[in-house]
Amino acid sequence: MQAFQSWVSEHKLTSIGTLWATAVAGSLAYTRTRTPLKPSLRLIHARMHAQALTLAVLSGAAIYHHYEKQGENNAAASEVTNSLPN
């Protein structure tokens, strides 16, 4: 899991692009079998689904980053507090 996280942190744009393309392909495949829409409408819906998924993932990454930084700041503050003489 740590290797995956480090790869994603090093290749952020590639990860997001891959996620987006996978979401478009998945949505196109799903709508092809479920709804009798024209191909242009399928593509529009697939793009919207992929954008929503990408925004959700980016929001989750931002929240994770925020709490990770907050944890680092708390750890640094506790180290300073512990090193002060009583």
PDB file of N, CA and C in Angstrom:
ATOM      1  N   MET A   1       0.820  -1.187   0.000  1.00  0.00           N
ATOM      2  CA  MET A   1       0.000   0.000   0.000  1.00  0.00           C
ATOM      3  C   MET A   1       0.866   1.253   0.000  1.00  0.00           C
ATOM      4  N   GLN A   2       1.971   1.213   0.745  1.00  0.00           N
ATOM      5  CA  GLN A   2       2.867   2.370   0.805  1.00  0.00           C
ATOM      6  C   GLN A   2       3.505   2.626  -0.560  1.00  0.00           C
ATOM      7  N   ALA A   3       3.839   1.572  -1.288  1.00  0.00           N
ATOM      8  CA  ALA A   3       4.430   1.742  -2.614  1.00  0.00           C
ATOM      9  C   ALA A   3       3.438   2.407  -3.568  1.00  0.00           C
ATOM     10  N   PHE A   4       2.173   2.000  -3.478  1.00  0.00           N
ATOM     11  CA  PHE A   4       1.132   2.604  -4.321  1.00  0.00           C
ATOM     12  C   PHE A   4       0.960   4.078  -3.983  1.00  0.00           C
ATOM     13  N   GLN A   5       0.938   4.410  -2.697  1.00  0.00           N
ATOM     14  CA  GLN A   5       0.778   5.802  -2.281  1.00  0.00           C
ATOM     15  C   GLN A   5       1.953   6.651  -2.742  1.00  0.00           C
ATOM     16  N   SER A   6       3.145   6.127  -2.659  1.00  0.00           N
ATOM     17  CA  SER A   6       4.308   6.905  -3.100  1.00  0.00           C
ATOM     18  C   SER A   6       4.297   7.092  -4.624  1.00  0.00           C
ATOM     19  N   TRP A   7       3.867   6.061  -5.356  1.00  0.00           N
ATOM     20  CA  TRP A   7       3.793   6.208  -6.810  1.00  0.00           C
ATOM     21  C   TRP A   7       2.756   7.261  -7.186  1.00  0.00           C
ATOM     22  N   VAL A   8       1.597   7.235  -6.537  1.00  0.00           N
ATOM     23  CA  VAL A   8       0.546   8.205  -6.831  1.00  0.00           C
ATOM     24  C   VAL A   8       1.011   9.610  -6.485  1.00  0.00           C
ATOM     25  N   SER A   9       1.708   9.771  -5.360  1.00  0.00           N
ATOM     26  CA  SER A   9       2.177  11.104  -4.987  1.00  0.00           C
ATOM     27  C   SER A   9       3.230  11.622  -5.962  1.00  0.00           C
ATOM     28  N   GLU A  10       4.001  10.741  -6.576  1.00  0.00           N
ATOM     29  CA  GLU A  10       4.999  11.149  -7.559  1.00  0.00           C
ATOM     30  C   GLU A  10       4.390  11.404  -8.932  1.00  0.00           C
ATOM     31  N   HIS A  11       3.292  10.733  -9.278  1.00  0.00           N
ATOM     32  CA  HIS A  11       2.671  10.826 -10.603  1.00  0.00           C
ATOM     33  C   HIS A  11       1.212  11.267 -10.474  1.00  0.00           C
ATOM     34  N   LYS A  12       0.998  12.439  -9.930  1.00  0.00           N
ATOM     35  CA  LYS A  12      -0.365  12.901  -9.654  1.00  0.00           C
ATOM     36  C   LYS A  12      -1.191  13.066 -10.925  1.00  0.00           C
ATOM     37  N   LEU A  13      -0.638  13.734 -11.921  1.00  0.00           N
ATOM     38  CA  LEU A  13      -1.409  13.977 -13.150  1.00  0.00           C
ATOM     39  C   LEU A  13      -1.694  12.686 -13.908  1.00  0.00           C
ATOM     40  N   THR A  14      -0.746  11.787 -13.930  1.00  0.00           N
ATOM     41  CA  THR A  14      -0.968  10.495 -14.582  1.00  0.00           C
ATOM     42  C   THR A  14      -2.068   9.723 -13.869  1.00  0.00           C
ATOM     43  N   SER A  15      -2.064   9.768 -12.548  1.00  0.00           N
ATOM     44  CA  SER A  15      -3.090   9.065 -11.767  1.00  0.00           C
ATOM     45  C   SER A  15      -4.474   9.630 -12.044  1.00  0.00           C
ATOM     46  N   ILE A  16      -4.579  10.943 -12.052  1.00  0.00           N
ATOM     47  CA  ILE A  16      -5.866  11.590 -12.296  1.00  0.00           C
ATOM     48  C   ILE A  16      -6.338  11.326 -13.721  1.00  0.00           C
ATOM     49  N   GLY A  17      -5.433  11.405 -14.682  1.00  0.00           N
ATOM     50  CA  GLY A  17      -5.793  11.134 -16.075  1.00  0.00           C
ATOM     51  C   GLY A  17      -6.244   9.702 -16.296  1.00  0.00           C
ATOM     52  N   THR A  18      -5.561   8.781 -15.654  1.00  0.00           N
ATOM     53  CA  THR A  18      -5.939   7.376 -15.764  1.00  0.00           C
ATOM     54  C   THR A  18      -7.295   7.124 -15.134  1.00  0.00           C
ATOM     55  N   LEU A  19      -7.523   7.719 -13.974  1.00  0.00           N
ATOM     56  CA  LEU A  19      -8.815   7.593 -13.312  1.00  0.00           C
ATOM     57  C   LEU A  19      -9.929   8.151 -14.190  1.00  0.00           C
ATOM     58  N   TRP A  20      -9.683   9.318 -14.798  1.00  0.00           N
ATOM     59  CA  TRP A  20     -10.688   9.962 -15.635  1.00  0.00           C
ATOM     60  C   TRP A  20     -10.999   9.093 -16.861  1.00  0.00           C
ATOM     61  N   ALA A  21      -9.962   8.611 -17.522  1.00  0.00           N
ATOM     62  CA  ALA A  21     -10.164   7.784 -18.717  1.00  0.00           C
ATOM     63  C   ALA A  21     -10.879   6.479 -18.376  1.00  0.00           C
ATOM     64  N   THR A  22     -10.535   5.889 -17.254  1.00  0.00           N
ATOM     65  CA  THR A  22     -11.202   4.656 -16.821  1.00  0.00           C
ATOM     66  C   THR A  22     -12.673   4.913 -16.520  1.00  0.00           C
ATOM     67  N   ALA A  23     -12.961   6.051 -15.886  1.00  0.00           N
ATOM     68  CA  ALA A  23     -14.352   6.398 -15.580  1.00  0.00           C
ATOM     69  C   ALA A  23     -15.157   6.636 -16.858  1.00  0.00           C
ATOM     70  N   VAL A  24     -14.571   7.288 -17.842  1.00  0.00           N
ATOM     71  CA  VAL A  24     -15.268   7.506 -19.118  1.00  0.00           C
ATOM     72  C   VAL A  24     -15.557   6.166 -19.785  1.00  0.00           C
ATOM     73  N   ALA A  25     -14.553   5.301 -19.837  1.00  0.00           N
ATOM     74  CA  ALA A  25     -14.744   3.994 -20.474  1.00  0.00           C
ATOM     75  C   ALA A  25     -15.787   3.167 -19.732  1.00  0.00           C
ATOM     76  N   GLY A  26     -15.732   3.173 -18.423  1.00  0.00           N
ATOM     77  CA  GLY A  26     -16.708   2.423 -17.642  1.00  0.00           C
ATOM     78  C   GLY A  26     -18.118   2.950 -17.813  1.00  0.00           C
ATOM     79  N   SER A  27     -18.260   4.258 -17.825  1.00  0.00           N
ATOM     80  CA  SER A  27     -19.582   4.851 -18.002  1.00  0.00           C
ATOM     81  C   SER A  27     -20.123   4.581 -19.402  1.00  0.00           C
ATOM     82  N   LEU A  28     -19.268   4.660 -20.398  1.00  0.00           N
ATOM     83  CA  LEU A  28     -19.703   4.346 -21.769  1.00  0.00           C
ATOM     84  C   LEU A  28     -20.155   2.895 -21.876  1.00  0.00           C
ATOM     85  N   ALA A  29     -19.389   2.003 -21.279  1.00  0.00           N
ATOM     86  CA  ALA A  29     -19.759   0.582 -21.330  1.00  0.00           C
ATOM     87  C   ALA A  29     -21.078   0.336 -20.604  1.00  0.00           C
ATOM     88  N   TYR A  30     -21.263   0.986 -19.464  1.00  0.00           N
ATOM     89  CA  TYR A  30     -22.492   0.792 -18.695  1.00  0.00           C
ATOM     90  C   TYR A  30     -23.695   1.351 -19.447  1.00  0.00           C
ATOM     91  N   THR A  31     -23.584   2.556 -19.978  1.00  0.00           N
ATOM     92  CA  THR A  31     -24.735   3.163 -20.659  1.00  0.00           C
ATOM     93  C   THR A  31     -25.032   2.478 -21.982  1.00  0.00           C
ATOM     94  N   ARG A  32     -24.044   1.869 -22.583  1.00  0.00           N
ATOM     95  CA  ARG A  32     -24.276   1.163 -23.848  1.00  0.00           C
ATOM     96  C   ARG A  32     -25.218  -0.017 -23.644  1.00  0.00           C
ATOM     97  N   THR A  33     -25.086  -0.692 -22.511  1.00  0.00           N
ATOM     98  CA  THR A  33     -25.917  -1.870 -22.265  1.00  0.00           C
ATOM     99  C   THR A  33     -27.251  -1.535 -21.606  1.00  0.00           C
ATOM    100  N   ARG A  34     -27.346  -0.382 -20.957  1.00  0.00           N
ATOM    101  CA  ARG A  34     -28.530  -0.073 -20.162  1.00  0.00           C
ATOM    102  C   ARG A  34     -29.522   0.882 -20.818  1.00  0.00           C
ATOM    103  N   THR A  35     -29.056   1.840 -21.573  1.00  0.00           N
ATOM    104  CA  THR A  35     -29.959   2.867 -22.098  1.00  0.00           C
ATOM    105  C   THR A  35     -29.847   2.994 -23.608  1.00  0.00           C
ATOM    106  N   PRO A  36     -30.960   3.255 -24.256  1.00  0.00           N
ATOM    107  CA  PRO A  36     -30.936   3.426 -25.721  1.00  0.00           C
ATOM    108  C   PRO A  36     -30.683   4.888 -26.115  1.00  0.00           C
ATOM    109  N   LEU A  37     -29.530   5.422 -25.747  1.00  0.00           N
ATOM    110  CA  LEU A  37     -29.198   6.806 -26.073  1.00  0.00           C
ATOM    111  C   LEU A  37     -28.344   6.857 -27.341  1.00  0.00           C
ATOM    112  N   LYS A  38     -28.349   8.051 -27.950  1.00  0.00           N
ATOM    113  CA  LYS A  38     -27.456   8.266 -29.087  1.00  0.00           C
ATOM    114  C   LYS A  38     -26.016   8.309 -28.567  1.00  0.00           C
ATOM    115  N   PRO A  39     -25.061   7.967 -29.421  1.00  0.00           N
ATOM    116  CA  PRO A  39     -23.656   7.965 -28.974  1.00  0.00           C
ATOM    117  C   PRO A  39     -23.183   9.323 -28.441  1.00  0.00           C
ATOM    118  N   SER A  40     -23.668  10.407 -29.019  1.00  0.00           N
ATOM    119  CA  SER A  40     -23.233  11.721 -28.535  1.00  0.00           C
ATOM    120  C   SER A  40     -23.720  11.966 -27.108  1.00  0.00           C
ATOM    121  N   LEU A  41     -24.946  11.542 -26.811  1.00  0.00           N
ATOM    122  CA  LEU A  41     -25.454  11.697 -25.446  1.00  0.00           C
ATOM    123  C   LEU A  41     -24.739  10.777 -24.469  1.00  0.00           C
ATOM    124  N   ARG A  42     -24.394   9.581 -24.921  1.00  0.00           N
ATOM    125  CA  ARG A  42     -23.630   8.667 -24.069  1.00  0.00           C
ATOM    126  C   ARG A  42     -22.285   9.273 -23.695  1.00  0.00           C
ATOM    127  N   LEU A  43     -21.641   9.898 -24.681  1.00  0.00           N
ATOM    128  CA  LEU A  43     -20.339  10.510 -24.444  1.00  0.00           C
ATOM    129  C   LEU A  43     -20.450  11.685 -23.473  1.00  0.00           C
ATOM    130  N   ILE A  44     -21.485  12.483 -23.605  1.00  0.00           N
ATOM    131  CA  ILE A  44     -21.698  13.604 -22.689  1.00  0.00           C
ATOM    132  C   ILE A  44     -21.917  13.093 -21.270  1.00  0.00           C
ATOM    133  N   HIS A  45     -22.751  12.081 -21.125  1.00  0.00           N
ATOM    134  CA  HIS A  45     -23.006  11.518 -19.797  1.00  0.00           C
ATOM    135  C   HIS A  45     -21.752  10.885 -19.214  1.00  0.00           C
ATOM    136  N   ALA A  46     -20.992  10.203 -20.038  1.00  0.00           N
ATOM    137  CA  ALA A  46     -19.761   9.573 -19.566  1.00  0.00           C
ATOM    138  C   ALA A  46     -18.775  10.632 -19.086  1.00  0.00           C
ATOM    139  N   ARG A  47     -18.675  11.730 -19.809  1.00  0.00           N
ATOM    140  CA  ARG A  47     -17.776  12.809 -19.404  1.00  0.00           C
ATOM    141  C   ARG A  47     -18.215  13.416 -18.074  1.00  0.00           C
ATOM    142  N   MET A  48     -19.517  13.596 -17.910  1.00  0.00           N
ATOM    143  CA  MET A  48     -20.032  14.155 -16.659  1.00  0.00           C
ATOM    144  C   MET A  48     -19.774  13.207 -15.486  1.00  0.00           C
ATOM    145  N   HIS A  49     -19.984  11.913 -15.695  1.00  0.00           N
ATOM    146  CA  HIS A  49     -19.710  10.936 -14.639  1.00  0.00           C
ATOM    147  C   HIS A  49     -18.223  10.940 -14.269  1.00  0.00           C
ATOM    148  N   ALA A  50     -17.369  11.001 -15.282  1.00  0.00           N
ATOM    149  CA  ALA A  50     -15.930  10.996 -15.031  1.00  0.00           C
ATOM    150  C   ALA A  50     -15.502  12.265 -14.289  1.00  0.00           C
ATOM    151  N   GLN A  51     -16.087  13.391 -14.644  1.00  0.00           N
ATOM    152  CA  GLN A  51     -15.746  14.630 -13.943  1.00  0.00           C
ATOM    153  C   GLN A  51     -16.201  14.580 -12.490  1.00  0.00           C
ATOM    154  N   ALA A  52     -17.371  14.044 -12.249  1.00  0.00           N
ATOM    155  CA  ALA A  52     -17.862  13.936 -10.874  1.00  0.00           C
ATOM    156  C   ALA A  52     -16.956  13.022 -10.048  1.00  0.00           C
ATOM    157  N   LEU A  53     -16.549  11.899 -10.621  1.00  0.00           N
ATOM    158  CA  LEU A  53     -15.657  10.980  -9.915  1.00  0.00           C
ATOM    159  C   LEU A  53     -14.303  11.641  -9.657  1.00  0.00           C
ATOM    160  N   THR A  54     -13.784  12.351 -10.642  1.00  0.00           N
ATOM    161  CA  THR A  54     -12.502  13.035 -10.482  1.00  0.00           C
ATOM    162  C   THR A  54     -12.581  14.090  -9.393  1.00  0.00           C
ATOM    163  N   LEU A  55     -13.658  14.861  -9.364  1.00  0.00           N
ATOM    164  CA  LEU A  55     -13.826  15.860  -8.304  1.00  0.00           C
ATOM    165  C   LEU A  55     -13.922  15.204  -6.929  1.00  0.00           C
ATOM    166  N   ALA A  56     -14.605  14.091  -6.855  1.00  0.00           N
ATOM    167  CA  ALA A  56     -14.715  13.380  -5.576  1.00  0.00           C
ATOM    168  C   ALA A  56     -13.344  12.885  -5.111  1.00  0.00           C
ATOM    169  N   VAL A  57     -12.566  12.340  -6.026  1.00  0.00           N
ATOM    170  CA  VAL A  57     -11.233  11.847  -5.670  1.00  0.00           C
ATOM    171  C   VAL A  57     -10.315  13.002  -5.286  1.00  0.00           C
ATOM    172  N   LEU A  58     -10.363  14.100  -6.016  1.00  0.00           N
ATOM    173  CA  LEU A  58      -9.538  15.258  -5.677  1.00  0.00           C
ATOM    174  C   LEU A  58      -9.937  15.844  -4.327  1.00  0.00           C
ATOM    175  N   SER A  59     -11.226  15.878  -4.046  1.00  0.00           N
ATOM    176  CA  SER A  59     -11.688  16.369  -2.744  1.00  0.00           C
ATOM    177  C   SER A  59     -11.190  15.462  -1.622  1.00  0.00           C
ATOM    178  N   GLY A  60     -11.288  14.169  -1.839  1.00  0.00           N
ATOM    179  CA  GLY A  60     -10.779  13.219  -0.856  1.00  0.00           C
ATOM    180  C   GLY A  60      -9.284  13.365  -0.644  1.00  0.00           C
ATOM    181  N   ALA A  61      -8.538  13.581  -1.717  1.00  0.00           N
ATOM    182  CA  ALA A  61      -7.090  13.762  -1.604  1.00  0.00           C
ATOM    183  C   ALA A  61      -6.762  15.046  -0.853  1.00  0.00           C
ATOM    184  N   ALA A  62      -7.533  16.104  -1.097  1.00  0.00           N
ATOM    185  CA  ALA A  62      -7.304  17.364  -0.389  1.00  0.00           C
ATOM    186  C   ALA A  62      -7.581  17.204   1.103  1.00  0.00           C
ATOM    187  N   ILE A  63      -8.648  16.503   1.444  1.00  0.00           N
ATOM    188  CA  ILE A  63      -8.978  16.272   2.856  1.00  0.00           C
ATOM    189  C   ILE A  63      -7.895  15.421   3.513  1.00  0.00           C
ATOM    190  N   TYR A  64      -7.462  14.389   2.827  1.00  0.00           N
ATOM    191  CA  TYR A  64      -6.391  13.534   3.348  1.00  0.00           C
ATOM    192  C   TYR A  64      -5.112  14.344   3.577  1.00  0.00           C
ATOM    193  N   HIS A  65      -4.755  15.184   2.610  1.00  0.00           N
ATOM    194  CA  HIS A  65      -3.559  16.015   2.710  1.00  0.00           C
ATOM    195  C   HIS A  65      -3.680  16.978   3.889  1.00  0.00           C
ATOM    196  N   HIS A  66      -4.854  17.560   4.065  1.00  0.00           N
ATOM    197  CA  HIS A  66      -5.078  18.499   5.165  1.00  0.00           C
ATOM    198  C   HIS A  66      -4.867  17.809   6.512  1.00  0.00           C
ATOM    199  N   TYR A  67      -5.475  16.654   6.708  1.00  0.00           N
ATOM    200  CA  TYR A  67      -5.344  15.948   7.976  1.00  0.00           C
ATOM    201  C   TYR A  67      -3.941  15.397   8.180  1.00  0.00           C
ATOM    202  N   GLU A  68      -3.268  15.036   7.098  1.00  0.00           N
ATOM    203  CA  GLU A  68      -1.888  14.576   7.203  1.00  0.00           C
ATOM    204  C   GLU A  68      -0.986  15.720   7.675  1.00  0.00           C
ATOM    205  N   LYS A  69      -1.162  16.898   7.090  1.00  0.00           N
ATOM    206  CA  LYS A  69      -0.380  18.067   7.506  1.00  0.00           C
ATOM    207  C   LYS A  69      -0.708  18.458   8.934  1.00  0.00           C
ATOM    208  N   GLN A  70      -1.979  18.381   9.306  1.00  0.00           N
ATOM    209  CA  GLN A  70      -2.391  18.722  10.657  1.00  0.00           C
ATOM    210  C   GLN A  70      -1.743  17.764  11.664  1.00  0.00           C
ATOM    211  N   GLY A  71      -1.664  16.500  11.325  1.00  0.00           N
ATOM    212  CA  GLY A  71      -1.007  15.520  12.181  1.00  0.00           C
ATOM    213  C   GLY A  71       0.480  15.796  12.329  1.00  0.00           C
ATOM    214  N   GLU A  72       1.134  16.213  11.239  1.00  0.00           N
ATOM    215  CA  GLU A  72       2.558  16.550  11.305  1.00  0.00           C
ATOM    216  C   GLU A  72       2.768  17.772  12.195  1.00  0.00           C
ATOM    217  N   ASN A  73       1.887  18.767  12.065  1.00  0.00           N
ATOM    218  CA  ASN A  73       2.010  19.965  12.890  1.00  0.00           C
ATOM    219  C   ASN A  73       1.789  19.636  14.363  1.00  0.00           C
ATOM    220  N   ASN A  74       0.826  18.770  14.661  1.00  0.00           N
ATOM    221  CA  ASN A  74       0.581  18.365  16.045  1.00  0.00           C
ATOM    222  C   ASN A  74       1.780  17.596  16.608  1.00  0.00           C
ATOM    223  N   ALA A  75       2.390  16.752  15.787  1.00  0.00           N
ATOM    224  CA  ALA A  75       3.553  15.989  16.238  1.00  0.00           C
ATOM    225  C   ALA A  75       4.726  16.931  16.498  1.00  0.00           C
ATOM    226  N   ALA A  76       4.920  17.920  15.643  1.00  0.00           N
ATOM    227  CA  ALA A  76       6.004  18.876  15.841  1.00  0.00           C
ATOM    228  C   ALA A  76       5.754  19.719  17.086  1.00  0.00           C
ATOM    229  N   ALA A  77       4.526  20.115  17.333  1.00  0.00           N
ATOM    230  CA  ALA A  77       4.193  20.906  18.511  1.00  0.00           C
ATOM    231  C   ALA A  77       4.402  20.103  19.783  1.00  0.00           C
ATOM    232  N   SER A  78       4.063  18.826  19.764  1.00  0.00           N
ATOM    233  CA  SER A  78       4.254  17.997  20.961  1.00  0.00           C
ATOM    234  C   SER A  78       5.735  17.759  21.217  1.00  0.00           C
ATOM    235  N   GLU A  79       6.559  17.672  20.174  1.00  0.00           N
ATOM    236  CA  GLU A  79       7.992  17.521  20.362  1.00  0.00           C
ATOM    237  C   GLU A  79       8.579  18.758  21.022  1.00  0.00           C
ATOM    238  N   VAL A  80       8.125  19.938  20.586  1.00  0.00           N
ATOM    239  CA  VAL A  80       8.597  21.187  21.174  1.00  0.00           C
ATOM    240  C   VAL A  80       8.174  21.271  22.630  1.00  0.00           C
ATOM    241  N   THR A  81       6.938  20.911  22.909  1.00  0.00           N
ATOM    242  CA  THR A  81       6.406  20.952  24.270  1.00  0.00           C
ATOM    243  C   THR A  81       7.161  19.974  25.174  1.00  0.00           C
ATOM    244  N   ASN A  82       7.469  18.800  24.661  1.00  0.00           N
ATOM    245  CA  ASN A  82       8.182  17.792  25.448  1.00  0.00           C
ATOM    246  C   ASN A  82       9.645  18.178  25.696  1.00  0.00           C
ATOM    247  N   SER A  83      10.230  18.970  24.807  1.00  0.00           N
ATOM    248  CA  SER A  83      11.630  19.330  24.975  1.00  0.00           C
ATOM    249  C   SER A  83      11.816  20.542  25.876  1.00  0.00           C
ATOM    250  N   LEU A  84      10.754  21.247  26.234  1.00  0.00           N
ATOM    251  CA  LEU A  84      10.848  22.385  27.137  1.00  0.00           C
ATOM    252  C   LEU A  84      11.068  21.904  28.565  1.00  0.00           C
ATOM    253  N   PRO A  85      11.928  22.619  29.312  1.00  0.00           N
ATOM    254  CA  PRO A  85      12.127  22.207  30.711  1.00  0.00           C
ATOM    255  C   PRO A  85      10.908  22.550  31.553  1.00  0.00           C
ATOM    256  N   ASN A  86      10.618  21.740  32.538  1.00  0.00           N
ATOM    257  CA  ASN A  86       9.461  21.966  33.422  1.00  0.00           C
ATOM    258  C   ASN A  86       9.767  22.928  34.504  1.00  0.00           C
TER     259      ASN A  86
END
